[in-house]
Amino acid sequence: KPELETESPESGRNMDIARRSAFRNNLLIILETCTASPFKYRKGTYLCFYCKDSFLQPEKLREHTRTEHSDIKSVIRPKKYEPLKMDFTATVCKLCGINIDDYAAL
């Protein structure tokens, strides 16, 4: 009988921890180097990535994020992998000042 490789609960947990860590690191690099804003979107509402505030207009969310959550070190959130979106409207590189239109331009 061939032996099947199975993932133990421990190795699955380690992979999940590694995935969350990579996710947080990538997000932190993006937020340290440009002015893009992370957010979530559910049922026609824009949700703040950092707190529980919600907005009907993306402009209001952008303003809220810039004024209330300028300290990107608070990105130690998320505790688990959470799909999110990035708003690249009027995004500028913090290192060189070039406009960034989308994620691919990074």
PDB file of N, CA and C in Angstrom:
ATOM      1  N   LYS A   1       0.834  -1.186   0.000  1.00  0.00           N
ATOM      2  CA  LYS A   1       0.000   0.000   0.000  1.00  0.00           C
ATOM      3  C   LYS A   1       0.879   1.250   0.000  1.00  0.00           C
ATOM      4  N   PRO A   2       0.661   2.191  -0.932  1.00  0.00           N
ATOM      5  CA  PRO A   2       1.459   3.416  -0.907  1.00  0.00           C
ATOM      6  C   PRO A   2       1.078   4.281   0.291  1.00  0.00           C
ATOM      7  N   GLU A   3       2.082   4.902   0.837  1.00  0.00           N
ATOM      8  CA  GLU A   3       1.852   5.751   1.993  1.00  0.00           C
ATOM      9  C   GLU A   3       1.581   7.174   1.514  1.00  0.00           C
ATOM     10  N   LEU A   4       0.483   7.740   1.967  1.00  0.00           N
ATOM     11  CA  LEU A   4       0.128   9.104   1.596  1.00  0.00           C
ATOM     12  C   LEU A   4       0.720  10.082   2.592  1.00  0.00           C
ATOM     13  N   GLU A   5       1.227  11.173   2.047  1.00  0.00           N
ATOM     14  CA  GLU A   5       1.718  12.220   2.941  1.00  0.00           C
ATOM     15  C   GLU A   5       0.532  13.044   3.389  1.00  0.00           C
ATOM     16  N   THR A   6       0.414  13.207   4.659  1.00  0.00           N
ATOM     17  CA  THR A   6      -0.657  14.049   5.189  1.00  0.00           C
ATOM     18  C   THR A   6      -0.031  15.156   6.009  1.00  0.00           C
ATOM     19  N   GLU A   7      -0.741  16.233   6.044  1.00  0.00           N
ATOM     20  CA  GLU A   7      -0.255  17.381   6.804  1.00  0.00           C
ATOM     21  C   GLU A   7      -0.745  17.248   8.234  1.00  0.00           C
ATOM     22  N   SER A   8       0.168  17.283   9.162  1.00  0.00           N
ATOM     23  CA  SER A   8      -0.232  17.203  10.558  1.00  0.00           C
ATOM     24  C   SER A   8      -0.848  18.534  10.974  1.00  0.00           C
ATOM     25  N   PRO A   9      -1.679  18.521  12.003  1.00  0.00           N
ATOM     26  CA  PRO A   9      -2.255  19.788  12.472  1.00  0.00           C
ATOM     27  C   PRO A   9      -1.174  20.807  12.832  1.00  0.00           C
ATOM     28  N   GLU A  10      -0.068  20.318  13.376  1.00  0.00           N
ATOM     29  CA  GLU A  10       1.022  21.223  13.770  1.00  0.00           C
ATOM     30  C   GLU A  10       1.656  21.879  12.555  1.00  0.00           C
ATOM     31  N   SER A  11       1.929  21.107  11.490  1.00  0.00           N
ATOM     32  CA  SER A  11       2.548  21.705  10.305  1.00  0.00           C
ATOM     33  C   SER A  11       1.575  22.652   9.617  1.00  0.00           C
ATOM     34  N   GLY A  12       0.282  22.337   9.638  1.00  0.00           N
ATOM     35  CA  GLY A  12      -0.725  23.243   9.078  1.00  0.00           C
ATOM     36  C   GLY A  12      -0.771  24.548   9.845  1.00  0.00           C
ATOM     37  N   ARG A  13      -0.656  24.477  11.148  1.00  0.00           N
ATOM     38  CA  ARG A  13      -0.665  25.676  11.991  1.00  0.00           C
ATOM     39  C   ARG A  13       0.579  26.514  11.716  1.00  0.00           C
ATOM     40  N   ASN A  14       1.732  25.858  11.552  1.00  0.00           N
ATOM     41  CA  ASN A  14       2.969  26.589  11.250  1.00  0.00           C
ATOM     42  C   ASN A  14       2.883  27.282   9.898  1.00  0.00           C
ATOM     43  N   MET A  15       2.263  26.607   8.912  1.00  0.00           N
ATOM     44  CA  MET A  15       2.096  27.235   7.601  1.00  0.00           C
ATOM     45  C   MET A  15       1.177  28.441   7.702  1.00  0.00           C
ATOM     46  N   ASP A  16       0.120  28.333   8.512  1.00  0.00           N
ATOM     47  CA  ASP A  16      -0.811  29.440   8.688  1.00  0.00           C
ATOM     48  C   ASP A  16      -0.111  30.622   9.347  1.00  0.00           C
ATOM     49  N   ILE A  17       0.712  30.351  10.345  1.00  0.00           N
ATOM     50  CA  ILE A  17       1.471  31.412  11.013  1.00  0.00           C
ATOM     51  C   ILE A  17       2.433  32.061  10.032  1.00  0.00           C
ATOM     52  N   ALA A  18       3.114  31.264   9.222  1.00  0.00           N
ATOM     53  CA  ALA A  18       4.047  31.801   8.224  1.00  0.00           C
ATOM     54  C   ALA A  18       3.309  32.635   7.183  1.00  0.00           C
ATOM     55  N   ARG A  19       2.147  32.180   6.757  1.00  0.00           N
ATOM     56  CA  ARG A  19       1.350  32.914   5.768  1.00  0.00           C
ATOM     57  C   ARG A  19       0.894  34.261   6.335  1.00  0.00           C
ATOM     58  N   ARG A  20       0.413  34.261   7.582  1.00  0.00           N
ATOM     59  CA  ARG A  20      -0.011  35.517   8.219  1.00  0.00           C
ATOM     60  C   ARG A  20       1.158  36.470   8.362  1.00  0.00           C
ATOM     61  N   SER A  21       2.312  35.940   8.735  1.00  0.00           N
ATOM     62  CA  SER A  21       3.506  36.767   8.900  1.00  0.00           C
ATOM     63  C   SER A  21       3.922  37.390   7.572  1.00  0.00           C
ATOM     64  N   ALA A  22       3.916  36.606   6.506  1.00  0.00           N
ATOM     65  CA  ALA A  22       4.265  37.132   5.180  1.00  0.00           C
ATOM     66  C   ALA A  22       3.255  38.183   4.744  1.00  0.00           C
ATOM     67  N   PHE A  23       1.987  37.940   5.015  1.00  0.00           N
ATOM     68  CA  PHE A  23       0.925  38.892   4.678  1.00  0.00           C
ATOM     69  C   PHE A  23       1.154  40.221   5.390  1.00  0.00           C
ATOM     70  N   ARG A  24       1.412  40.158   6.700  1.00  0.00           N
ATOM     71  CA  ARG A  24       1.659  41.385   7.479  1.00  0.00           C
ATOM     72  C   ARG A  24       2.905  42.103   6.992  1.00  0.00           C
ATOM     73  N   ASN A  25       3.975  41.354   6.720  1.00  0.00           N
ATOM     74  CA  ASN A  25       5.216  41.974   6.240  1.00  0.00           C
ATOM     75  C   ASN A  25       5.013  42.668   4.904  1.00  0.00           C
ATOM     76  N   ASN A  26       4.324  42.014   3.970  1.00  0.00           N
ATOM     77  CA  ASN A  26       4.059  42.637   2.673  1.00  0.00           C
ATOM     78  C   ASN A  26       3.218  43.894   2.829  1.00  0.00           C
ATOM     79  N   LEU A  27       2.199  43.815   3.661  1.00  0.00           N
ATOM     80  CA  LEU A  27       1.340  44.970   3.894  1.00  0.00           C
ATOM     81  C   LEU A  27       2.132  46.114   4.517  1.00  0.00           C
ATOM     82  N   LEU A  28       2.965  45.804   5.482  1.00  0.00           N
ATOM     83  CA  LEU A  28       3.770  46.830   6.137  1.00  0.00           C
ATOM     84  C   LEU A  28       4.727  47.499   5.152  1.00  0.00           C
ATOM     85  N   ILE A  29       5.342  46.734   4.272  1.00  0.00           N
ATOM     86  CA  ILE A  29       6.242  47.307   3.263  1.00  0.00           C
ATOM     87  C   ILE A  29       5.479  48.260   2.353  1.00  0.00           C
ATOM     88  N   ILE A  30       4.294  47.849   1.905  1.00  0.00           N
ATOM     89  CA  ILE A  30       3.492  48.720   1.044  1.00  0.00           C
ATOM     90  C   ILE A  30       3.155  50.014   1.774  1.00  0.00           C
ATOM     91  N   LEU A  31       2.709  49.917   3.020  1.00  0.00           N
ATOM     92  CA  LEU A  31       2.296  51.110   3.757  1.00  0.00           C
ATOM     93  C   LEU A  31       3.466  52.001   4.150  1.00  0.00           C
ATOM     94  N   GLU A  32       4.651  51.423   4.328  1.00  0.00           N
ATOM     95  CA  GLU A  32       5.832  52.230   4.647  1.00  0.00           C
ATOM     96  C   GLU A  32       6.363  52.973   3.432  1.00  0.00           C
ATOM     97  N   THR A  33       6.124  52.451   2.237  1.00  0.00           N
ATOM     98  CA  THR A  33       6.747  53.027   1.046  1.00  0.00           C
ATOM     99  C   THR A  33       5.802  53.818   0.155  1.00  0.00           C
ATOM    100  N   CYS A  34       4.500  53.758   0.399  1.00  0.00           N
ATOM    101  CA  CYS A  34       3.582  54.562  -0.416  1.00  0.00           C
ATOM    102  C   CYS A  34       2.357  54.948   0.406  1.00  0.00           C
ATOM    103  N   THR A  35       1.522  55.783  -0.171  1.00  0.00           N
ATOM    104  CA  THR A  35       0.360  56.302   0.547  1.00  0.00           C
ATOM    105  C   THR A  35      -0.928  55.537   0.247  1.00  0.00           C
ATOM    106  N   ALA A  36      -0.834  54.311  -0.251  1.00  0.00           N
ATOM    107  CA  ALA A  36      -2.029  53.494  -0.506  1.00  0.00           C
ATOM    108  C   ALA A  36      -2.741  53.198   0.812  1.00  0.00           C
ATOM    109  N   SER A  37      -4.059  52.992   0.732  1.00  0.00           N
ATOM    110  CA  SER A  37      -4.857  52.744   1.934  1.00  0.00           C
ATOM    111  C   SER A  37      -5.544  51.388   1.859  1.00  0.00           C
ATOM    112  N   PRO A  38      -5.331  50.535   2.854  1.00  0.00           N
ATOM    113  CA  PRO A  38      -6.035  49.252   2.869  1.00  0.00           C
ATOM    114  C   PRO A  38      -7.474  49.445   3.351  1.00  0.00           C
ATOM    115  N   PHE A  39      -8.384  48.640   2.836  1.00  0.00           N
ATOM    116  CA  PHE A  39      -9.773  48.691   3.284  1.00  0.00           C
ATOM    117  C   PHE A  39     -10.456  47.374   2.955  1.00  0.00           C
ATOM    118  N   LYS A  40     -11.657  47.234   3.464  1.00  0.00           N
ATOM    119  CA  LYS A  40     -12.500  46.088   3.132  1.00  0.00           C
ATOM    120  C   LYS A  40     -13.789  46.635   2.535  1.00  0.00           C
ATOM    121  N   TYR A  41     -14.485  45.807   1.798  1.00  0.00           N
ATOM    122  CA  TYR A  41     -15.724  46.235   1.161  1.00  0.00           C
ATOM    123  C   TYR A  41     -16.767  45.143   1.325  1.00  0.00           C
ATOM    124  N   ARG A  42     -17.888  45.503   1.948  1.00  0.00           N
ATOM    125  CA  ARG A  42     -18.969  44.540   2.155  1.00  0.00           C
ATOM    126  C   ARG A  42     -20.317  45.211   1.970  1.00  0.00           C
ATOM    127  N   LYS A  43     -21.122  44.611   1.139  1.00  0.00           N
ATOM    128  CA  LYS A  43     -22.513  45.035   0.950  1.00  0.00           C
ATOM    129  C   LYS A  43     -22.650  46.533   0.701  1.00  0.00           C
ATOM    130  N   GLY A  44     -21.860  47.066  -0.214  1.00  0.00           N
ATOM    131  CA  GLY A  44     -21.968  48.472  -0.583  1.00  0.00           C
ATOM    132  C   GLY A  44     -21.350  49.438   0.404  1.00  0.00           C
ATOM    133  N   THR A  45     -20.597  48.921   1.368  1.00  0.00           N
ATOM    134  CA  THR A  45     -20.000  49.763   2.400  1.00  0.00           C
ATOM    135  C   THR A  45     -18.492  49.568   2.434  1.00  0.00           C
ATOM    136  N   TYR A  46     -17.770  50.669   2.553  1.00  0.00           N
ATOM    137  CA  TYR A  46     -16.314  50.637   2.683  1.00  0.00           C
ATOM    138  C   TYR A  46     -15.981  50.559   4.166  1.00  0.00           C
ATOM    139  N   LEU A  47     -15.236  49.543   4.550  1.00  0.00           N
ATOM    140  CA  LEU A  47     -14.896  49.323   5.955  1.00  0.00           C
ATOM    141  C   LEU A  47     -13.443  49.690   6.213  1.00  0.00           C
ATOM    142  N   CYS A  48     -13.208  50.431   7.275  1.00  0.00           N
ATOM    143  CA  CYS A  48     -11.850  50.794   7.659  1.00  0.00           C
ATOM    144  C   CYS A  48     -11.088  49.523   8.027  1.00  0.00           C
ATOM    145  N   PHE A  49      -9.875  49.404   7.528  1.00  0.00           N
ATOM    146  CA  PHE A  49      -9.034  48.251   7.829  1.00  0.00           C
ATOM    147  C   PHE A  49      -8.587  48.260   9.289  1.00  0.00           C
ATOM    148  N   TYR A  50      -8.408  49.449   9.859  1.00  0.00           N
ATOM    149  CA  TYR A  50      -7.820  49.595  11.188  1.00  0.00           C
ATOM    150  C   TYR A  50      -8.831  49.562  12.326  1.00  0.00           C
ATOM    151  N   CYS A  51     -10.053  50.007  12.066  1.00  0.00           N
ATOM    152  CA  CYS A  51     -11.059  50.068  13.129  1.00  0.00           C
ATOM    153  C   CYS A  51     -12.402  49.589  12.574  1.00  0.00           C
ATOM    154  N   LYS A  52     -13.471  49.782  13.316  1.00  0.00           N
ATOM    155  CA  LYS A  52     -14.778  49.276  12.890  1.00  0.00           C
ATOM    156  C   LYS A  52     -15.617  50.314  12.161  1.00  0.00           C
ATOM    157  N   ASP A  53     -15.059  51.483  11.860  1.00  0.00           N
ATOM    158  CA  ASP A  53     -15.820  52.513  11.160  1.00  0.00           C
ATOM    159  C   ASP A  53     -16.134  52.074   9.738  1.00  0.00           C
ATOM    160  N   SER A  54     -17.285  52.507   9.239  1.00  0.00           N
ATOM    161  CA  SER A  54     -17.677  52.193   7.863  1.00  0.00           C
ATOM    162  C   SER A  54     -18.145  53.465   7.170  1.00  0.00           C
ATOM    163  N   PHE A  55     -18.039  53.463   5.845  1.00  0.00           N
ATOM    164  CA  PHE A  55     -18.328  54.652   5.053  1.00  0.00           C
ATOM    165  C   PHE A  55     -19.036  54.252   3.768  1.00  0.00           C
ATOM    166  N   LEU A  56     -19.921  55.120   3.309  1.00  0.00           N
ATOM    167  CA  LEU A  56     -20.597  54.879   2.042  1.00  0.00           C
ATOM    168  C   LEU A  56     -19.790  55.424   0.873  1.00  0.00           C
ATOM    169  N   GLN A  57     -18.949  56.417   1.145  1.00  0.00           N
ATOM    170  CA  GLN A  57     -18.149  57.040   0.092  1.00  0.00           C
ATOM    171  C   GLN A  57     -16.667  56.749   0.318  1.00  0.00           C
ATOM    172  N   PRO A  58     -15.962  56.317  -0.735  1.00  0.00           N
ATOM    173  CA  PRO A  58     -14.536  56.012  -0.577  1.00  0.00           C
ATOM    174  C   PRO A  58     -13.709  57.233  -0.183  1.00  0.00           C
ATOM    175  N   GLU A  59     -14.138  58.422  -0.599  1.00  0.00           N
ATOM    176  CA  GLU A  59     -13.407  59.643  -0.240  1.00  0.00           C
ATOM    177  C   GLU A  59     -13.400  59.855   1.269  1.00  0.00           C
ATOM    178  N   LYS A  60     -14.535  59.570   1.905  1.00  0.00           N
ATOM    179  CA  LYS A  60     -14.636  59.720   3.368  1.00  0.00           C
ATOM    180  C   LYS A  60     -13.725  58.706   4.072  1.00  0.00           C
ATOM    181  N   LEU A  61     -13.683  57.489   3.556  1.00  0.00           N
ATOM    182  CA  LEU A  61     -12.797  56.477   4.133  1.00  0.00           C
ATOM    183  C   LEU A  61     -11.341  56.889   3.972  1.00  0.00           C
ATOM    184  N   ARG A  62     -10.975  57.403   2.785  1.00  0.00           N
ATOM    185  CA  ARG A  62      -9.599  57.860   2.549  1.00  0.00           C
ATOM    186  C   ARG A  62      -9.205  58.937   3.555  1.00  0.00           C
ATOM    187  N   GLU A  63     -10.081  59.917   3.745  1.00  0.00           N
ATOM    188  CA  GLU A  63      -9.805  61.004   4.690  1.00  0.00           C
ATOM    189  C   GLU A  63      -9.684  60.460   6.112  1.00  0.00           C
ATOM    190  N   HIS A  64     -10.596  59.581   6.493  1.00  0.00           N
ATOM    191  CA  HIS A  64     -10.557  58.955   7.824  1.00  0.00           C
ATOM    192  C   HIS A  64      -9.233  58.224   8.039  1.00  0.00           C
ATOM    193  N   THR A  65      -8.821  57.442   7.061  1.00  0.00           N
ATOM    194  CA  THR A  65      -7.583  56.668   7.179  1.00  0.00           C
ATOM    195  C   THR A  65      -6.381  57.590   7.331  1.00  0.00           C
ATOM    196  N   ARG A  66      -6.331  58.647   6.533  1.00  0.00           N
ATOM    197  CA  ARG A  66      -5.187  59.573   6.599  1.00  0.00           C
ATOM    198  C   ARG A  66      -5.126  60.336   7.914  1.00  0.00           C
ATOM    199  N   THR A  67      -6.285  60.702   8.465  1.00  0.00           N
ATOM    200  CA  THR A  67      -6.273  61.505   9.688  1.00  0.00           C
ATOM    201  C   THR A  67      -6.247  60.672  10.964  1.00  0.00           C
ATOM    202  N   GLU A  68      -6.916  59.528  10.958  1.00  0.00           N
ATOM    203  CA  GLU A  68      -7.037  58.727  12.182  1.00  0.00           C
ATOM    204  C   GLU A  68      -6.018  57.601  12.309  1.00  0.00           C
ATOM    205  N   HIS A  69      -5.439  57.183  11.199  1.00  0.00           N
ATOM    206  CA  HIS A  69      -4.566  56.004  11.234  1.00  0.00           C
ATOM    207  C   HIS A  69      -3.255  56.252  10.501  1.00  0.00           C
ATOM    208  N   SER A  70      -2.623  57.352  10.796  1.00  0.00           N
ATOM    209  CA  SER A  70      -1.368  57.677  10.108  1.00  0.00           C
ATOM    210  C   SER A  70      -0.191  56.846  10.620  1.00  0.00           C
ATOM    211  N   ASP A  71      -0.319  56.266  11.813  1.00  0.00           N
ATOM    212  CA  ASP A  71       0.750  55.430  12.362  1.00  0.00           C
ATOM    213  C   ASP A  71       0.604  54.008  11.833  1.00  0.00           C
ATOM    214  N   ILE A  72       1.400  53.684  10.811  1.00  0.00           N
ATOM    215  CA  ILE A  72       1.250  52.377  10.176  1.00  0.00           C
ATOM    216  C   ILE A  72       1.737  51.226  11.041  1.00  0.00           C
ATOM    217  N   LYS A  73       2.398  51.512  12.130  1.00  0.00           N
ATOM    218  CA  LYS A  73       2.852  50.431  13.010  1.00  0.00           C
ATOM    219  C   LYS A  73       1.659  49.715  13.639  1.00  0.00           C
ATOM    220  N   SER A  74       0.487  50.343  13.588  1.00  0.00           N
ATOM    221  CA  SER A  74      -0.700  49.688  14.133  1.00  0.00           C
ATOM    222  C   SER A  74      -1.207  48.581  13.214  1.00  0.00           C
ATOM    223  N   VAL A  75      -0.467  48.296  12.163  1.00  0.00           N
ATOM    224  CA  VAL A  75      -0.841  47.256  11.212  1.00  0.00           C
ATOM    225  C   VAL A  75      -0.588  45.869  11.775  1.00  0.00           C
ATOM    226  N   ILE A  76      -0.214  45.769  12.999  1.00  0.00           N
ATOM    227  CA  ILE A  76       0.028  44.459  13.589  1.00  0.00           C
ATOM    228  C   ILE A  76      -1.256  43.640  13.495  1.00  0.00           C
ATOM    229  N   ARG A  77      -2.332  44.257  13.270  1.00  0.00           N
ATOM    230  CA  ARG A  77      -3.529  43.586  12.852  1.00  0.00           C
ATOM    231  C   ARG A  77      -3.248  42.966  11.504  1.00  0.00           C
ATOM    232  N   PRO A  78      -3.757  42.122  10.894  1.00  0.00           N
ATOM    233  CA  PRO A  78      -4.790  41.169  11.221  1.00  0.00           C
ATOM    234  C   PRO A  78      -4.240  39.946  11.937  1.00  0.00           C
ATOM    235  N   LYS A  79      -5.037  39.383  12.787  1.00  0.00           N
ATOM    236  CA  LYS A  79      -4.607  38.202  13.529  1.00  0.00           C
ATOM    237  C   LYS A  79      -4.710  36.939  12.673  1.00  0.00           C
ATOM    238  N   LYS A  80      -5.501  37.001  11.638  1.00  0.00           N
ATOM    239  CA  LYS A  80      -5.608  35.889  10.697  1.00  0.00           C
ATOM    240  C   LYS A  80      -5.579  36.481   9.301  1.00  0.00           C
ATOM    241  N   TYR A  81      -5.443  35.626   8.317  1.00  0.00           N
ATOM    242  CA  TYR A  81      -5.446  36.113   6.943  1.00  0.00           C
ATOM    243  C   TYR A  81      -6.811  36.694   6.643  1.00  0.00           C
ATOM    244  N   GLU A  82      -6.847  37.939   6.276  1.00  0.00           N
ATOM    245  CA  GLU A  82      -8.096  38.601   5.936  1.00  0.00           C
ATOM    246  C   GLU A  82      -7.941  39.245   4.573  1.00  0.00           C
ATOM    247  N   PRO A  83      -8.723  38.815   3.599  1.00  0.00           N
ATOM    248  CA  PRO A  83      -8.635  39.471   2.296  1.00  0.00           C
ATOM    249  C   PRO A  83      -8.949  40.952   2.447  1.00  0.00           C
ATOM    250  N   LEU A  84      -8.213  41.774   1.748  1.00  0.00           N
ATOM    251  CA  LEU A  84      -8.467  43.201   1.801  1.00  0.00           C
ATOM    252  C   LEU A  84      -8.196  43.804   0.442  1.00  0.00           C
ATOM    253  N   LYS A  85      -8.601  45.023   0.305  1.00  0.00           N
ATOM    254  CA  LYS A  85      -8.381  45.759  -0.931  1.00  0.00           C
ATOM    255  C   LYS A  85      -7.460  46.922  -0.613  1.00  0.00           C
ATOM    256  N   MET A  86      -6.792  47.428  -1.641  1.00  0.00           N
ATOM    257  CA  MET A  86      -5.917  48.589  -1.471  1.00  0.00           C
ATOM    258  C   MET A  86      -6.411  49.702  -2.375  1.00  0.00           C
ATOM    259  N   ASP A  87      -6.578  50.878  -1.812  1.00  0.00           N
ATOM    260  CA  ASP A  87      -6.979  52.057  -2.572  1.00  0.00           C
ATOM    261  C   ASP A  87      -5.712  52.771  -3.023  1.00  0.00           C
ATOM    262  N   PHE A  88      -5.494  52.816  -4.331  1.00  0.00           N
ATOM    263  CA  PHE A  88      -4.317  53.479  -4.883  1.00  0.00           C
ATOM    264  C   PHE A  88      -4.652  54.855  -5.458  1.00  0.00           C
ATOM    265  N   THR A  89      -5.834  55.393  -5.149  1.00  0.00           N
ATOM    266  CA  THR A  89      -6.208  56.717  -5.630  1.00  0.00           C
ATOM    267  C   THR A  89      -5.259  57.755  -5.047  1.00  0.00           C
ATOM    268  N   ALA A  90      -4.646  58.535  -5.901  1.00  0.00           N
ATOM    269  CA  ALA A  90      -3.709  59.598  -5.493  1.00  0.00           C
ATOM    270  C   ALA A  90      -2.552  59.051  -4.655  1.00  0.00           C
ATOM    271  N   THR A  91      -2.117  57.834  -4.935  1.00  0.00           N
ATOM    272  CA  THR A  91      -1.021  57.222  -4.186  1.00  0.00           C
ATOM    273  C   THR A  91       0.323  57.704  -4.715  1.00  0.00           C
ATOM    274  N   VAL A  92       1.210  58.011  -3.777  1.00  0.00           N
ATOM    275  CA  VAL A  92       2.541  58.524  -4.102  1.00  0.00           C
ATOM    276  C   VAL A  92       3.578  57.687  -3.359  1.00  0.00           C
ATOM    277  N   CYS A  93       4.707  57.449  -4.008  1.00  0.00           N
ATOM    278  CA  CYS A  93       5.821  56.770  -3.358  1.00  0.00           C
ATOM    279  C   CYS A  93       6.400  57.699  -2.295  1.00  0.00           C
ATOM    280  N   LYS A  94       6.551  57.212  -1.073  1.00  0.00           N
ATOM    281  CA  LYS A  94       7.121  58.018   0.010  1.00  0.00           C
ATOM    282  C   LYS A  94       8.625  58.190  -0.137  1.00  0.00           C
ATOM    283  N   LEU A  95       9.256  57.362  -0.958  1.00  0.00           N
ATOM    284  CA  LEU A  95      10.708  57.423  -1.122  1.00  0.00           C
ATOM    285  C   LEU A  95      11.134  58.386  -2.222  1.00  0.00           C
ATOM    286  N   CYS A  96      10.393  58.390  -3.353  1.00  0.00           N
ATOM    287  CA  CYS A  96      10.835  59.216  -4.484  1.00  0.00           C
ATOM    288  C   CYS A  96       9.786  60.199  -4.986  1.00  0.00           C
ATOM    289  N   GLY A  97       8.550  60.115  -4.504  1.00  0.00           N
ATOM    290  CA  GLY A  97       7.519  61.066  -4.888  1.00  0.00           C
ATOM    291  C   GLY A  97       6.797  60.770  -6.189  1.00  0.00           C
ATOM    292  N   ILE A  98       7.086  59.653  -6.831  1.00  0.00           N
ATOM    293  CA  ILE A  98       6.426  59.300  -8.093  1.00  0.00           C
ATOM    294  C   ILE A  98       5.000  58.816  -7.811  1.00  0.00           C
ATOM    295  N   ASN A  99       4.064  59.183  -8.699  1.00  0.00           N
ATOM    296  CA  ASN A  99       2.687  58.703  -8.578  1.00  0.00           C
ATOM    297  C   ASN A  99       2.628  57.206  -8.858  1.00  0.00           C
ATOM    298  N   ILE A 100       1.793  56.504  -8.095  1.00  0.00           N
ATOM    299  CA  ILE A 100       1.609  55.064  -8.261  1.00  0.00           C
ATOM    300  C   ILE A 100       0.138  54.835  -8.581  1.00  0.00           C
ATOM    301  N   ASP A 101      -0.130  54.308  -9.763  1.00  0.00           N
ATOM    302  CA  ASP A 101      -1.511  54.127 -10.204  1.00  0.00           C
ATOM    303  C   ASP A 101      -2.148  52.833  -9.718  1.00  0.00           C
ATOM    304  N   ASP A 102      -1.341  51.803  -9.523  1.00  0.00           N
ATOM    305  CA  ASP A 102      -1.891  50.526  -9.090  1.00  0.00           C
ATOM    306  C   ASP A 102      -0.787  49.662  -8.480  1.00  0.00           C
ATOM    307  N   TYR A 103      -1.189  48.517  -7.973  1.00  0.00           N
ATOM    308  CA  TYR A 103      -0.253  47.617  -7.298  1.00  0.00           C
ATOM    309  C   TYR A 103       0.879  47.185  -8.217  1.00  0.00           C
ATOM    310  N   ALA A 104       0.580  46.958  -9.484  1.00  0.00           N
ATOM    311  CA  ALA A 104       1.602  46.513 -10.441  1.00  0.00           C
ATOM    312  C   ALA A 104       2.706  47.553 -10.605  1.00  0.00           C
ATOM    313  N   ALA A 105       2.390  48.822 -10.380  1.00  0.00           N
ATOM    314  CA  ALA A 105       3.389  49.889 -10.531  1.00  0.00           C
ATOM    315  C   ALA A 105       4.402  49.902  -9.390  1.00  0.00           C
ATOM    316  N   LEU A 106       4.101  49.213  -8.303  1.00  0.00           N
ATOM    317  CA  LEU A 106       5.045  49.162  -7.187  1.00  0.00           C
ATOM    318  C   LEU A 106       6.284  48.431  -7.626  1.00  0.00           C
TER     319      LEU A 106
END
